[in-house]
């Protein structure tokens, strides 16, 4: 069976069911597939920079936003 025929068969089963738990299970499968963790997609270099930034925050090594922006405003 080719992929299109398989999809049609699955669609037919979905349309014919009145079982909410089956529909919820299918919905969860697609939701889980589409909501991948962004962290896993980041390159290691970016992960390292984020972790360093979080450590700096934990250590209180931060700068006020307005103070940071003053030299950059014209």
Protein backbone atom coordinates (compact mmCIF):
# COMPACT_ATOMS: atom_id res chain seq x y z
CA UNK A 1 0.00 0.00 0.00
CA UNK A 2 1.40 3.42 -0.93
CA UNK A 3 1.51 6.40 1.41
CA UNK A 4 -1.53 8.14 -0.10
CA UNK A 5 -3.66 5.01 0.22
CA UNK A 6 -2.46 4.62 3.80
CA UNK A 7 -3.46 8.21 4.60
CA UNK A 8 -6.89 7.69 3.09
CA UNK A 9 -7.39 4.52 5.09
CA UNK A 10 -6.45 6.30 8.32
CA UNK A 11 -8.73 9.24 7.47
CA UNK A 12 -11.60 6.82 6.87
CA UNK A 13 -11.03 5.19 10.27
CA UNK A 14 -10.92 8.60 11.96
CA UNK A 15 -14.12 9.74 10.29
CA UNK A 16 -15.93 6.54 11.23
CA UNK A 17 -14.99 6.52 14.92
CA UNK A 18 -17.06 8.10 17.66
CA UNK A 19 -14.58 7.16 20.36
CA UNK A 20 -13.24 10.40 21.91
CA UNK A 21 -10.24 8.65 23.48
CA UNK A 22 -9.04 7.43 20.08
CA UNK A 23 -9.40 10.91 18.64
CA UNK A 24 -7.58 12.44 21.62
CA UNK A 25 -4.77 9.92 21.24
CA UNK A 26 -4.36 10.79 17.58
CA UNK A 27 -4.41 14.49 18.41
CA UNK A 28 -1.70 13.99 21.05
CA UNK A 29 0.49 12.17 18.53
CA UNK A 30 0.38 15.11 16.16
CA UNK A 31 0.78 17.69 18.92
CA UNK A 32 3.82 15.92 20.31
CA UNK A 33 5.31 15.72 16.81
CA UNK A 34 4.87 19.45 16.18
CA UNK A 35 6.04 20.68 19.56
CA UNK A 36 9.67 19.64 19.50
CA UNK A 37 11.88 21.06 22.20
CA UNK A 38 13.74 24.05 20.77
CA UNK A 39 16.72 23.30 23.03
CA UNK A 40 17.45 20.10 21.13
CA UNK A 41 17.56 22.07 17.88
CA UNK A 42 20.13 24.64 19.07
CA UNK A 43 23.81 24.31 18.18
CA UNK A 44 26.04 23.53 21.17
CA UNK A 45 27.69 26.96 20.95
CA UNK A 46 24.34 28.70 21.52
CA UNK A 47 23.46 26.32 24.36
CA UNK A 48 26.78 27.14 26.04
CA UNK A 49 26.17 30.90 25.70
CA UNK A 50 22.69 30.60 27.17
CA UNK A 51 23.98 28.53 30.10
CA UNK A 52 26.71 31.11 30.75
CA UNK A 53 24.07 33.88 30.71
CA UNK A 54 21.88 31.99 33.17
CA UNK A 55 24.87 31.48 35.45
CA UNK A 56 25.63 35.22 35.30
CA UNK A 57 22.03 35.98 36.30
CA UNK A 58 22.26 33.52 39.19
CA UNK A 59 25.46 35.28 40.33
CA UNK A 60 23.77 38.70 40.17
CA UNK A 61 26.08 39.78 37.36
CA UNK A 62 23.48 41.81 35.45
CA UNK A 63 23.09 45.34 34.08
CA UNK A 64 19.99 47.52 34.16
CA UNK A 65 18.41 47.71 30.69
CA UNK A 66 18.21 51.53 30.64
CA UNK A 67 21.86 51.84 31.71
CA UNK A 68 22.87 49.42 28.99
CA UNK A 69 20.93 51.31 26.31
CA UNK A 70 22.16 54.84 27.18
CA UNK A 71 25.37 54.67 25.14
CA UNK A 72 23.52 53.16 22.17
CA UNK A 73 20.82 55.82 21.92
CA UNK A 74 21.44 58.86 19.78
